[in-house]
PDB file of N, CA and C in Angstrom:
ATOM      1  N   MET A   1       0.801  -1.130   0.050  1.00  0.00           N
ATOM      2  CA  MET A   1      -0.040   0.083   0.002  1.00  0.00           C
ATOM      3  C   MET A   1       0.883   1.221  -0.045  1.00  0.00           C
ATOM      4  N   LYS A   2       0.531   2.210  -0.890  1.00  0.00           N
ATOM      5  CA  LYS A   2       1.299   3.508  -0.947  1.00  0.00           C
ATOM      6  C   LYS A   2       0.518   4.653  -0.321  1.00  0.00           C
ATOM      7  N   VAL A   3       1.084   5.331   0.637  1.00  0.00           N
ATOM      8  CA  VAL A   3       0.408   6.327   1.394  1.00  0.00           C
ATOM      9  C   VAL A   3       1.184   7.696   1.085  1.00  0.00           C
ATOM     10  N   PHE A   4       0.265   8.663   0.825  1.00  0.00           N
ATOM     11  CA  PHE A   4       0.838  10.041   0.827  1.00  0.00           C
ATOM     12  C   PHE A   4       0.414  10.805   1.893  1.00  0.00           C
ATOM     13  N   ILE A   5       1.313  11.517   2.568  1.00  0.00           N
ATOM     14  CA  ILE A   5       0.888  12.372   3.791  1.00  0.00           C
ATOM     15  C   ILE A   5       1.276  13.898   3.447  1.00  0.00           C
ATOM     16  N   SER A   6       0.247  14.614   3.596  1.00  0.00           N
ATOM     17  CA  SER A   6       0.288  16.073   3.399  1.00  0.00           C
ATOM     18  C   SER A   6       0.403  16.615   4.829  1.00  0.00           C
ATOM     19  N   TYR A   7       1.447  17.438   4.997  1.00  0.00           N
ATOM     20  CA  TYR A   7       1.562  17.909   6.403  1.00  0.00           C
ATOM     21  C   TYR A   7       2.322  19.378   6.198  1.00  0.00           C
ATOM     22  N   SER A   8       2.279  20.057   7.385  1.00  0.00           N
ATOM     23  CA  SER A   8       3.094  21.391   7.411  1.00  0.00           C
ATOM     24  C   SER A   8       4.392  20.929   8.118  1.00  0.00           C
ATOM     25  N   ARG A   9       5.506  21.637   7.670  1.00  0.00           N
ATOM     26  CA  ARG A   9       6.855  21.272   8.268  1.00  0.00           C
ATOM     27  C   ARG A   9       6.759  21.606   9.750  1.00  0.00           C
ATOM     28  N   HIS A  10       5.891  22.390  10.199  1.00  0.00           N
ATOM     29  CA  HIS A  10       5.848  22.763  11.681  1.00  0.00           C
ATOM     30  C   HIS A  10       5.275  21.543  12.535  1.00  0.00           C
ATOM     31  N   ASP A  11       4.641  20.582  11.862  1.00  0.00           N
ATOM     32  CA  ASP A  11       4.142  19.297  12.370  1.00  0.00           C
ATOM     33  C   ASP A  11       5.007  18.164  12.138  1.00  0.00           C
ATOM     34  N   GLU A  12       6.216  18.449  11.685  1.00  0.00           N
ATOM     35  CA  GLU A  12       7.057  17.250  11.204  1.00  0.00           C
ATOM     36  C   GLU A  12       7.408  16.218  12.198  1.00  0.00           C
ATOM     37  N   GLY A  13       7.679  16.631  13.432  1.00  0.00           N
ATOM     38  CA  GLY A  13       7.979  15.690  14.525  1.00  0.00           C
ATOM     39  C   GLY A  13       6.761  14.658  14.695  1.00  0.00           C
ATOM     40  N   ALA A  14       5.514  15.150  14.727  1.00  0.00           N
ATOM     41  CA  ALA A  14       4.372  14.148  15.008  1.00  0.00           C
ATOM     42  C   ALA A  14       4.238  13.304  13.686  1.00  0.00           C
ATOM     43  N   VAL A  15       4.463  13.972  12.521  1.00  0.00           N
ATOM     44  CA  VAL A  15       4.244  13.154  11.301  1.00  0.00           C
ATOM     45  C   VAL A  15       5.319  12.172  11.239  1.00  0.00           C
ATOM     46  N   ARG A  16       6.565  12.417  11.583  1.00  0.00           N
ATOM     47  CA  ARG A  16       7.650  11.359  11.552  1.00  0.00           C
ATOM     48  C   ARG A  16       7.289  10.152  12.370  1.00  0.00           C
ATOM     49  N   ALA A  17       6.670  10.388  13.620  1.00  0.00           N
ATOM     50  CA  ALA A  17       6.141   9.227  14.444  1.00  0.00           C
ATOM     51  C   ALA A  17       5.246   8.362  13.729  1.00  0.00           C
ATOM     52  N   LEU A  18       4.217   9.058  12.986  1.00  0.00           N
ATOM     53  CA  LEU A  18       3.252   8.285  12.302  1.00  0.00           C
ATOM     54  C   LEU A  18       3.913   7.598  11.115  1.00  0.00           C
ATOM     55  N   VAL A  19       4.874   8.123  10.469  1.00  0.00           N
ATOM     56  CA  VAL A  19       5.606   7.595   9.275  1.00  0.00           C
ATOM     57  C   VAL A  19       6.279   6.260   9.888  1.00  0.00           C
ATOM     58  N   GLY A  20       6.964   6.397  11.083  1.00  0.00           N
ATOM     59  CA  GLY A  20       7.709   5.289  11.622  1.00  0.00           C
ATOM     60  C   GLY A  20       6.652   4.121  11.853  1.00  0.00           C
ATOM     61  N   ASP A  21       5.558   4.490  12.434  1.00  0.00           N
ATOM     62  CA  ASP A  21       4.545   3.398  12.790  1.00  0.00           C
ATOM     63  C   ASP A  21       4.097   2.632  11.494  1.00  0.00           C
ATOM     64  N   LEU A  22       3.831   3.480  10.379  1.00  0.00           N
ATOM     65  CA  LEU A  22       3.382   2.945   9.219  1.00  0.00           C
ATOM     66  C   LEU A  22       4.525   2.173   8.493  1.00  0.00           C
ATOM     67  N   GLN A  23       5.772   2.659   8.540  1.00  0.00           N
ATOM     68  CA  GLN A  23       6.866   1.837   7.894  1.00  0.00           C
ATOM     69  C   GLN A  23       7.024   0.474   8.673  1.00  0.00           C
ATOM     70  N   ARG A  24       6.856   0.537  10.029  1.00  0.00           N
ATOM     71  CA  ARG A  24       7.051  -0.763  10.767  1.00  0.00           C
ATOM     72  C   ARG A  24       5.949  -1.746  10.259  1.00  0.00           C
ATOM     73  N   ALA A  25       4.752  -1.337   9.790  1.00  0.00           N
ATOM     74  CA  ALA A  25       3.639  -2.131   9.497  1.00  0.00           C
ATOM     75  C   ALA A  25       3.914  -2.447   8.036  1.00  0.00           C
ATOM     76  N   ARG A  26       4.992  -2.139   7.336  1.00  0.00           N
ATOM     77  CA  ARG A  26       5.364  -2.353   6.002  1.00  0.00           C
ATOM     78  C   ARG A  26       4.523  -1.647   4.998  1.00  0.00           C
ATOM     79  N   VAL A  27       4.144  -0.318   5.411  1.00  0.00           N
ATOM     80  CA  VAL A  27       3.454   0.467   4.495  1.00  0.00           C
ATOM     81  C   VAL A  27       4.427   1.480   3.798  1.00  0.00           C
ATOM     82  N   GLN A  28       4.317   1.594   2.447  1.00  0.00           N
ATOM     83  CA  GLN A  28       5.165   2.505   1.800  1.00  0.00           C
ATOM     84  C   GLN A  28       4.575   3.965   1.936  1.00  0.00           C
ATOM     85  N   VAL A  29       5.361   4.878   2.546  1.00  0.00           N
ATOM     86  CA  VAL A  29       4.965   6.166   2.813  1.00  0.00           C
ATOM     87  C   VAL A  29       5.870   7.165   1.914  1.00  0.00           C
ATOM     88  N   TRP A  30       5.136   8.192   1.397  1.00  0.00           N
ATOM     89  CA  TRP A  30       5.888   9.160   0.529  1.00  0.00           C
ATOM     90  C   TRP A  30       5.725  10.469   1.161  1.00  0.00           C
ATOM     91  N   LEU A  31       6.771  11.176   1.419  1.00  0.00           N
ATOM     92  CA  LEU A  31       6.722  12.517   1.919  1.00  0.00           C
ATOM     93  C   LEU A  31       7.655  13.405   0.928  1.00  0.00           C
ATOM     94  N   ASP A  32       7.451  14.700   0.933  1.00  0.00           N
ATOM     95  CA  ASP A  32       8.168  15.602  -0.022  1.00  0.00           C
ATOM     96  C   ASP A  32       9.455  15.969   0.543  1.00  0.00           C
ATOM     97  N   GLU A  33      10.111  15.124   1.461  1.00  0.00           N
ATOM     98  CA  GLU A  33      11.285  15.593   2.092  1.00  0.00           C
ATOM     99  C   GLU A  33      12.580  15.805   1.175  1.00  0.00           C
ATOM    100  N   ASP A  34      12.612  15.074   0.137  1.00  0.00           N
ATOM    101  CA  ASP A  34      13.812  15.036  -0.716  1.00  0.00           C
ATOM    102  C   ASP A  34      13.731  15.908  -1.954  1.00  0.00           C
ATOM    103  N   LEU A  35      12.527  16.678  -2.032  1.00  0.00           N
ATOM    104  CA  LEU A  35      12.387  17.516  -3.241  1.00  0.00           C
ATOM    105  C   LEU A  35      12.819  18.849  -3.051  1.00  0.00           C
ATOM    106  N   GLY A  36      13.293  19.626  -4.102  1.00  0.00           N
ATOM    107  CA  GLY A  36      13.575  21.022  -4.057  1.00  0.00           C
ATOM    108  C   GLY A  36      12.253  21.652  -4.480  1.00  0.00           C
ATOM    109  N   GLY A  37      12.238  22.978  -4.664  1.00  0.00           N
ATOM    110  CA  GLY A  37      11.027  23.706  -5.071  1.00  0.00           C
ATOM    111  C   GLY A  37      10.972  23.881  -6.546  1.00  0.00           C
ATOM    112  N   GLY A  38       9.953  24.519  -6.888  1.00  0.00           N
ATOM    113  CA  GLY A  38       9.744  24.848  -8.448  1.00  0.00           C
ATOM    114  C   GLY A  38       8.745  23.941  -8.917  1.00  0.00           C
ATOM    115  N   GLU A  39       8.579  24.068 -10.283  1.00  0.00           N
ATOM    116  CA  GLU A  39       7.566  23.366 -11.125  1.00  0.00           C
ATOM    117  C   GLU A  39       7.725  21.928 -10.917  1.00  0.00           C
ATOM    118  N   SER A  40       9.085  21.395 -11.006  1.00  0.00           N
ATOM    119  CA  SER A  40       9.205  19.902 -11.055  1.00  0.00           C
ATOM    120  C   SER A  40       8.770  19.278  -9.581  1.00  0.00           C
ATOM    121  N   TRP A  41       9.080  20.133  -8.471  1.00  0.00           N
ATOM    122  CA  TRP A  41       8.622  19.684  -7.174  1.00  0.00           C
ATOM    123  C   TRP A  41       7.100  19.553  -7.186  1.00  0.00           C
ATOM    124  N   TRP A  42       6.448  20.459  -7.764  1.00  0.00           N
ATOM    125  CA  TRP A  42       4.938  20.419  -7.711  1.00  0.00           C
ATOM    126  C   TRP A  42       4.409  19.179  -8.571  1.00  0.00           C
ATOM    127  N   ARG A  43       5.121  18.975  -9.682  1.00  0.00           N
ATOM    128  CA  ARG A  43       4.611  17.875 -10.624  1.00  0.00           C
ATOM    129  C   ARG A  43       4.912  16.595  -9.837  1.00  0.00           C
ATOM    130  N   ASP A  44       5.965  16.493  -9.157  1.00  0.00           N
ATOM    131  CA  ASP A  44       6.261  15.287  -8.383  1.00  0.00           C
ATOM    132  C   ASP A  44       5.165  15.003  -7.324  1.00  0.00           C
ATOM    133  N   ILE A  45       4.861  16.053  -6.607  1.00  0.00           N
ATOM    134  CA  ILE A  45       3.867  15.876  -5.614  1.00  0.00           C
ATOM    135  C   ILE A  45       2.527  15.571  -6.183  1.00  0.00           C
ATOM    136  N   LEU A  46       2.020  16.101  -7.304  1.00  0.00           N
ATOM    137  CA  LEU A  46       0.795  15.836  -8.000  1.00  0.00           C
ATOM    138  C   LEU A  46       0.773  14.326  -8.429  1.00  0.00           C
ATOM    139  N   GLY A  47       1.908  13.869  -8.885  1.00  0.00           N
ATOM    140  CA  GLY A  47       2.002  12.555  -9.488  1.00  0.00           C
ATOM    141  C   GLY A  47       1.918  11.549  -8.303  1.00  0.00           C
ATOM    142  N   GLN A  48       2.520  11.900  -7.150  1.00  0.00           N
ATOM    143  CA  GLN A  48       2.458  10.978  -6.075  1.00  0.00           C
ATOM    144  C   GLN A  48       1.023  10.923  -5.415  1.00  0.00           C
ATOM    145  N   ILE A  49       0.386  12.084  -5.460  1.00  0.00           N
ATOM    146  CA  ILE A  49      -1.011  12.073  -4.962  1.00  0.00           C
ATOM    147  C   ILE A  49      -1.970  11.190  -5.869  1.00  0.00           C
ATOM    148  N   LEU A  50      -1.691  11.263  -7.138  1.00  0.00           N
ATOM    149  CA  LEU A  50      -2.473  10.695  -8.224  1.00  0.00           C
ATOM    150  C   LEU A  50      -2.260   9.126  -8.110  1.00  0.00           C
ATOM    151  N   THR A  51      -1.082   8.721  -7.687  1.00  0.00           N
ATOM    152  CA  THR A  51      -0.814   7.212  -7.727  1.00  0.00           C
ATOM    153  C   THR A  51      -0.868   6.576  -6.351  1.00  0.00           C
ATOM    154  N   CYS A  52      -1.175   7.412  -5.251  1.00  0.00           N
ATOM    155  CA  CYS A  52      -1.171   6.777  -3.953  1.00  0.00           C
ATOM    156  C   CYS A  52      -2.463   5.947  -3.733  1.00  0.00           C
ATOM    157  N   GLU A  53      -2.444   5.127  -2.768  1.00  0.00           N
ATOM    158  CA  GLU A  53      -3.817   4.340  -2.366  1.00  0.00           C
ATOM    159  C   GLU A  53      -4.501   5.081  -1.285  1.00  0.00           C
ATOM    160  N   VAL A  54      -3.637   5.809  -0.432  1.00  0.00           N
ATOM    161  CA  VAL A  54      -4.208   6.416   0.646  1.00  0.00           C
ATOM    162  C   VAL A  54      -3.629   7.692   0.768  1.00  0.00           C
ATOM    163  N   PHE A  55      -4.555   8.713   1.028  1.00  0.00           N
ATOM    164  CA  PHE A  55      -4.054  10.224   1.238  1.00  0.00           C
ATOM    165  C   PHE A  55      -4.457  10.574   2.561  1.00  0.00           C
ATOM    166  N   ILE A  56      -3.381  11.063   3.249  1.00  0.00           N
ATOM    167  CA  ILE A  56      -3.599  11.393   4.635  1.00  0.00           C
ATOM    168  C   ILE A  56      -3.221  12.894   4.771  1.00  0.00           C
ATOM    169  N   VAL A  57      -3.932  13.660   5.566  1.00  0.00           N
ATOM    170  CA  VAL A  57      -3.804  15.098   5.940  1.00  0.00           C
ATOM    171  C   VAL A  57      -3.506  15.260   7.348  1.00  0.00           C
ATOM    172  N   ALA A  58      -2.423  15.588   7.740  1.00  0.00           N
ATOM    173  CA  ALA A  58      -2.132  16.017   9.104  1.00  0.00           C
ATOM    174  C   ALA A  58      -2.798  17.279   9.401  1.00  0.00           C
ATOM    175  N   LEU A  59      -3.916  17.372   9.934  1.00  0.00           N
ATOM    176  CA  LEU A  59      -4.569  18.679  10.031  1.00  0.00           C
ATOM    177  C   LEU A  59      -4.062  19.526  11.195  1.00  0.00           C
ATOM    178  N   SER A  60      -3.726  20.753  10.987  1.00  0.00           N
ATOM    179  CA  SER A  60      -3.382  21.568  12.095  1.00  0.00           C
ATOM    180  C   SER A  60      -3.609  23.017  11.547  1.00  0.00           C
ATOM    181  N   ASP A  61      -3.511  23.988  12.537  1.00  0.00           N
ATOM    182  CA  ASP A  61      -3.595  25.277  12.042  1.00  0.00           C
ATOM    183  C   ASP A  61      -2.544  25.613  11.031  1.00  0.00           C
ATOM    184  N   HIS A  62      -1.342  25.010  11.220  1.00  0.00           N
ATOM    185  CA  HIS A  62      -0.277  25.253  10.233  1.00  0.00           C
ATOM    186  C   HIS A  62      -0.541  24.628   8.860  1.00  0.00           C
ATOM    187  N   SER A  63      -1.035  23.540   8.829  1.00  0.00           N
ATOM    188  CA  SER A  63      -1.472  23.030   7.521  1.00  0.00           C
ATOM    189  C   SER A  63      -2.593  23.693   6.776  1.00  0.00           C
ATOM    190  N   LEU A  64      -3.466  24.167   7.534  1.00  0.00           N
ATOM    191  CA  LEU A  64      -4.557  24.910   7.003  1.00  0.00           C
ATOM    192  C   LEU A  64      -4.207  26.285   6.614  1.00  0.00           C
ATOM    193  N   ASP A  65      -3.066  26.769   7.107  1.00  0.00           N
ATOM    194  CA  ASP A  65      -2.562  28.141   6.620  1.00  0.00           C
ATOM    195  C   ASP A  65      -1.516  27.945   5.522  1.00  0.00           C
ATOM    196  N   SER A  66      -1.164  26.693   5.213  1.00  0.00           N
ATOM    197  CA  SER A  66      -0.166  26.491   4.313  1.00  0.00           C
ATOM    198  C   SER A  66      -0.630  26.393   2.880  1.00  0.00           C
ATOM    199  N   LYS A  67      -0.138  27.258   1.966  1.00  0.00           N
ATOM    200  CA  LYS A  67      -0.683  27.255   0.648  1.00  0.00           C
ATOM    201  C   LYS A  67      -0.445  25.870  -0.086  1.00  0.00           C
ATOM    202  N   PRO A  68       0.794  25.229   0.160  1.00  0.00           N
ATOM    203  CA  PRO A  68       1.024  23.958  -0.634  1.00  0.00           C
ATOM    204  C   PRO A  68       0.155  22.907   0.030  1.00  0.00           C
ATOM    205  N   CYS A  69      -0.048  22.858   1.360  1.00  0.00           N
ATOM    206  CA  CYS A  69      -0.957  21.847   1.947  1.00  0.00           C
ATOM    207  C   CYS A  69      -2.442  22.069   1.440  1.00  0.00           C
ATOM    208  N   GLN A  70      -2.720  23.189   1.381  1.00  0.00           N
ATOM    209  CA  GLN A  70      -4.138  23.522   0.884  1.00  0.00           C
ATOM    210  C   GLN A  70      -4.343  23.061  -0.635  1.00  0.00           C
ATOM    211  N   ALA A  71      -3.253  23.290  -1.406  1.00  0.00           N
ATOM    212  CA  ALA A  71      -3.244  22.967  -2.830  1.00  0.00           C
ATOM    213  C   ALA A  71      -3.322  21.448  -2.928  1.00  0.00           C
ATOM    214  N   GLU A  72      -2.557  20.676  -2.109  1.00  0.00           N
ATOM    215  CA  GLU A  72      -2.517  19.279  -2.060  1.00  0.00           C
ATOM    216  C   GLU A  72      -4.011  18.755  -1.821  1.00  0.00           C
ATOM    217  N   LEU A  73      -4.572  19.311  -0.733  1.00  0.00           N
ATOM    218  CA  LEU A  73      -5.815  18.871  -0.378  1.00  0.00           C
ATOM    219  C   LEU A  73      -6.883  19.138  -1.418  1.00  0.00           C
ATOM    220  N   ARG A  74      -6.891  20.239  -2.129  1.00  0.00           N
ATOM    221  CA  ARG A  74      -7.889  20.593  -3.163  1.00  0.00           C
ATOM    222  C   ARG A  74      -7.662  19.598  -4.242  1.00  0.00           C
ATOM    223  N   TYR A  75      -6.374  19.259  -4.648  1.00  0.00           N
ATOM    224  CA  TYR A  75      -6.130  18.245  -5.786  1.00  0.00           C
ATOM    225  C   TYR A  75      -6.764  16.990  -5.387  1.00  0.00           C
ATOM    226  N   ALA A  76      -6.570  16.397  -4.141  1.00  0.00           N
ATOM    227  CA  ALA A  76      -7.026  15.269  -3.675  1.00  0.00           C
ATOM    228  C   ALA A  76      -8.655  15.366  -3.722  1.00  0.00           C
ATOM    229  N   GLN A  77      -9.251  16.440  -3.293  1.00  0.00           N
ATOM    230  CA  GLN A  77     -10.688  16.566  -3.353  1.00  0.00           C
ATOM    231  C   GLN A  77     -11.168  16.506  -4.835  1.00  0.00           C
ATOM    232  N   ASP A  78     -10.441  17.166  -5.708  1.00  0.00           N
ATOM    233  CA  ASP A  78     -10.857  17.207  -7.230  1.00  0.00           C
ATOM    234  C   ASP A  78     -10.752  15.699  -7.672  1.00  0.00           C
ATOM    235  N   LEU A  79      -9.935  14.901  -7.072  1.00  0.00           N
ATOM    236  CA  LEU A  79      -9.849  13.530  -7.515  1.00  0.00           C
ATOM    237  C   LEU A  79     -10.826  12.571  -6.879  1.00  0.00           C
ATOM    238  N   ASN A  80     -11.687  13.277  -6.070  1.00  0.00           N
ATOM    239  CA  ASN A  80     -12.828  12.521  -5.182  1.00  0.00           C
ATOM    240  C   ASN A  80     -12.045  11.709  -4.126  1.00  0.00           C
ATOM    241  N   TRP A  81     -10.881  12.132  -3.579  1.00  0.00           N
ATOM    242  CA  TRP A  81     -10.201  11.399  -2.729  1.00  0.00           C
ATOM    243  C   TRP A  81     -10.551  11.894  -1.223  1.00  0.00           C
ATOM    244  N   ALA A  82     -10.366  13.122  -1.024  1.00  0.00           N
ATOM    245  CA  ALA A  82     -10.505  13.601   0.483  1.00  0.00           C
ATOM    246  C   ALA A  82     -11.875  14.103   0.731  1.00  0.00           C
ATOM    247  N   ASP A  83     -12.432  13.808   1.895  1.00  0.00           N
ATOM    248  CA  ASP A  83     -13.616  14.153   2.516  1.00  0.00           C
ATOM    249  C   ASP A  83     -13.572  15.750   2.507  1.00  0.00           C
ATOM    250  N   PRO A  84     -14.555  16.449   2.274  1.00  0.00           N
ATOM    251  CA  PRO A  84     -14.636  17.939   2.467  1.00  0.00           C
ATOM    252  C   PRO A  84     -14.296  18.384   3.831  1.00  0.00           C
ATOM    253  N   SER A  85     -14.643  17.517   4.851  1.00  0.00           N
ATOM    254  CA  SER A  85     -14.365  17.904   6.238  1.00  0.00           C
ATOM    255  C   SER A  85     -12.898  18.033   6.536  1.00  0.00           C
ATOM    256  N   CYS A  86     -12.106  17.483   5.560  1.00  0.00           N
ATOM    257  CA  CYS A  86     -10.560  17.580   5.749  1.00  0.00           C
ATOM    258  C   CYS A  86     -10.134  19.174   5.712  1.00  0.00           C
ATOM    259  N   SER A  87     -10.826  19.940   5.314  1.00  0.00           N
ATOM    260  CA  SER A  87     -10.499  21.376   5.260  1.00  0.00           C
ATOM    261  C   SER A  87     -11.126  22.073   6.478  1.00  0.00           C
ATOM    262  N   ASP A  88     -11.785  21.496   7.344  1.00  0.00           N
ATOM    263  CA  ASP A  88     -12.437  22.152   8.570  1.00  0.00           C
ATOM    264  C   ASP A  88     -11.300  22.380   9.566  1.00  0.00           C
ATOM    265  N   ARG A  89     -11.252  23.696  10.056  1.00  0.00           N
ATOM    266  CA  ARG A  89     -10.283  23.934  10.985  1.00  0.00           C
ATOM    267  C   ARG A  89     -10.452  23.160  12.345  1.00  0.00           C
ATOM    268  N   PRO A  90      -9.444  22.489  12.771  1.00  0.00           N
ATOM    269  CA  PRO A  90      -9.613  21.620  14.025  1.00  0.00           C
ATOM    270  C   PRO A  90      -9.978  22.652  15.157  1.00  0.00           C
ATOM    271  N   SER A  91     -10.726  21.991  16.203  1.00  0.00           N
ATOM    272  CA  SER A  91     -11.147  22.976  17.362  1.00  0.00           C
ATOM    273  C   SER A  91     -10.044  23.122  18.421  1.00  0.00           C
ATOM    274  N   LYS A  92      -9.248  22.028  18.593  1.00  0.00           N
ATOM    275  CA  LYS A  92      -8.085  22.111  19.531  1.00  0.00           C
ATOM    276  C   LYS A  92      -6.901  21.310  19.053  1.00  0.00           C
ATOM    277  N   GLN A  93      -5.702  21.921  19.153  1.00  0.00           N
ATOM    278  CA  GLN A  93      -4.680  21.355  18.717  1.00  0.00           C
ATOM    279  C   GLN A  93      -3.592  21.262  19.874  1.00  0.00           C
ATOM    280  N   PRO A  94      -3.144  19.919  20.189  1.00  0.00           N
ATOM    281  CA  PRO A  94      -2.196  19.880  21.305  1.00  0.00           C
ATOM    282  C   PRO A  94      -0.730  20.499  20.648  1.00  0.00           C
ATOM    283  N   PRO A  95       0.060  21.212  21.591  1.00  0.00           N
ATOM    284  CA  PRO A  95       1.375  21.758  21.072  1.00  0.00           C
ATOM    285  C   PRO A  95       2.198  20.724  20.451  1.00  0.00           C
ATOM    286  N   GLY A  96       2.708  21.122  19.241  1.00  0.00           N
ATOM    287  CA  GLY A  96       3.590  20.279  18.575  1.00  0.00           C
ATOM    288  C   GLY A  96       3.038  19.092  17.870  1.00  0.00           C
ATOM    289  N   GLN A  97       1.664  19.006  17.760  1.00  0.00           N
ATOM    290  CA  GLN A  97       1.022  17.850  17.069  1.00  0.00           C
ATOM    291  C   GLN A  97      -0.178  18.407  16.182  1.00  0.00           C
ATOM    292  N   PRO A  98      -0.387  17.635  15.169  1.00  0.00           N
ATOM    293  CA  PRO A  98      -1.621  17.878  14.393  1.00  0.00           C
ATOM    294  C   PRO A  98      -2.774  17.657  15.254  1.00  0.00           C
ATOM    295  N   ALA A  99      -3.838  18.311  15.123  1.00  0.00           N
ATOM    296  CA  ALA A  99      -4.932  18.174  15.898  1.00  0.00           C
ATOM    297  C   ALA A  99      -5.694  16.886  15.512  1.00  0.00           C
ATOM    298  N   ARG A 100      -5.677  16.490  14.337  1.00  0.00           N
ATOM    299  CA  ARG A 100      -6.259  15.167  13.854  1.00  0.00           C
ATOM    300  C   ARG A 100      -5.711  14.839  12.433  1.00  0.00           C
ATOM    301  N   LEU A 101      -5.988  13.606  12.144  1.00  0.00           N
ATOM    302  CA  LEU A 101      -5.704  13.175  10.817  1.00  0.00           C
ATOM    303  C   LEU A 101      -6.787  12.889  10.008  1.00  0.00           C
ATOM    304  N   CYS A 102      -6.848  13.274   8.803  1.00  0.00           N
ATOM    305  CA  CYS A 102      -7.911  12.935   7.882  1.00  0.00           C
ATOM    306  C   CYS A 102      -7.384  12.096   6.804  1.00  0.00           C
ATOM    307  N   ALA A 103      -7.940  10.882   6.638  1.00  0.00           N
ATOM    308  CA  ALA A 103      -7.377   9.901   5.598  1.00  0.00           C
ATOM    309  C   ALA A 103      -8.545   9.573   4.526  1.00  0.00           C
ATOM    310  N   ALA A 104      -8.184   9.306   3.331  1.00  0.00           N
ATOM    311  CA  ALA A 104      -9.081   8.914   2.237  1.00  0.00           C
ATOM    312  C   ALA A 104      -8.365   7.949   1.458  1.00  0.00           C
ATOM    313  N   GLY A 105      -9.212   6.943   1.070  1.00  0.00           N
ATOM    314  CA  GLY A 105      -8.569   6.009   0.071  1.00  0.00           C
ATOM    315  C   GLY A 105      -9.154   6.223  -1.263  1.00  0.00           C
ATOM    316  N   ARG A 106      -8.512   5.582  -2.281  1.00  0.00           N
ATOM    317  CA  ARG A 106      -8.977   5.630  -3.642  1.00  0.00           C
ATOM    318  C   ARG A 106     -10.089   4.879  -3.895  1.00  0.00           C
ATOM    319  N   LEU A 107     -11.156   5.475  -4.472  1.00  0.00           N
ATOM    320  CA  LEU A 107     -12.369   4.682  -4.865  1.00  0.00           C
ATOM    321  C   LEU A 107     -12.199   4.239  -6.388  1.00  0.00           C
ATOM    322  N   PRO A 108     -12.460   2.965  -6.511  1.00  0.00           N
ATOM    323  CA  PRO A 108     -12.455   2.351  -8.048  1.00  0.00           C
ATOM    324  C   PRO A 108     -13.396   3.210  -8.810  1.00  0.00           C
ATOM    325  N   LYS A 109     -12.933   3.416  -9.968  1.00  0.00           N
ATOM    326  CA  LYS A 109     -13.810   4.232 -10.887  1.00  0.00           C
ATOM    327  C   LYS A 109     -15.364   3.823 -11.031  1.00  0.00           C
ATOM    328  N   SER A 110     -15.411   2.418 -10.962  1.00  0.00           N
ATOM    329  CA  SER A 110     -16.866   1.901 -10.981  1.00  0.00           C
ATOM    330  C   SER A 110     -17.623   2.468  -9.835  1.00  0.00           C
ATOM    331  N   ASP A 111     -17.054   2.547  -8.605  1.00  0.00           N
ATOM    332  CA  ASP A 111     -17.731   3.157  -7.481  1.00  0.00           C
ATOM    333  C   ASP A 111     -18.044   4.589  -7.664  1.00  0.00           C
ATOM    334  N   LEU A 112     -17.245   5.363  -8.301  1.00  0.00           N
ATOM    335  CA  LEU A 112     -17.468   6.797  -8.592  1.00  0.00           C
ATOM    336  C   LEU A 112     -18.520   6.979  -9.479  1.00  0.00           C
ATOM    337  N   ARG A 113     -18.737   6.143 -10.541  1.00  0.00           N
ATOM    338  CA  ARG A 113     -19.917   6.117 -11.379  1.00  0.00           C
ATOM    339  C   ARG A 113     -21.207   5.862 -10.641  1.00  0.00           C
ATOM    340  N   ARG A 114     -21.287   4.916  -9.849  1.00  0.00           N
ATOM    341  CA  ARG A 114     -22.447   4.600  -8.957  1.00  0.00           C
ATOM    342  C   ARG A 114     -22.813   5.773  -8.193  1.00  0.00           C
ATOM    343  N   GLN A 115     -22.038   6.696  -7.691  1.00  0.00           N
ATOM    344  CA  GLN A 115     -22.369   7.809  -6.884  1.00  0.00           C
ATOM    345  C   GLN A 115     -23.217   8.752  -7.517  1.00  0.00           C
ATOM    346  N   HIS A 116     -22.982   8.890  -8.918  1.00  0.00           N
ATOM    347  CA  HIS A 116     -23.605  10.040  -9.657  1.00  0.00           C
ATOM    348  C   HIS A 116     -24.841   9.663 -10.325  1.00  0.00           C
TER     349      HIS A 116
END
């Protein structure tokens, strides 16, 4: 299983703990840690979102205020991946941690057609 995690750098410590747990469970996790900026960086991110099986958003005030995080979430929503509630501002956030995680999995195209 391939997982994409959208997160703010301000929440990196908590996200690293989640990544470690997922990797111990033999889940393939993709983070944008090794990418530079610019157009190729954004193409790589969009490609990873498009091909992942699970999209996770580490919701926090930081991620909701981050333009890249919001763009990733909008792209996932455009692909019918992410629940619209993923963009709701969390009510309380523990210091140094995302307030909550919002995850969505890929729906087979046949399931998408049945919804319309």
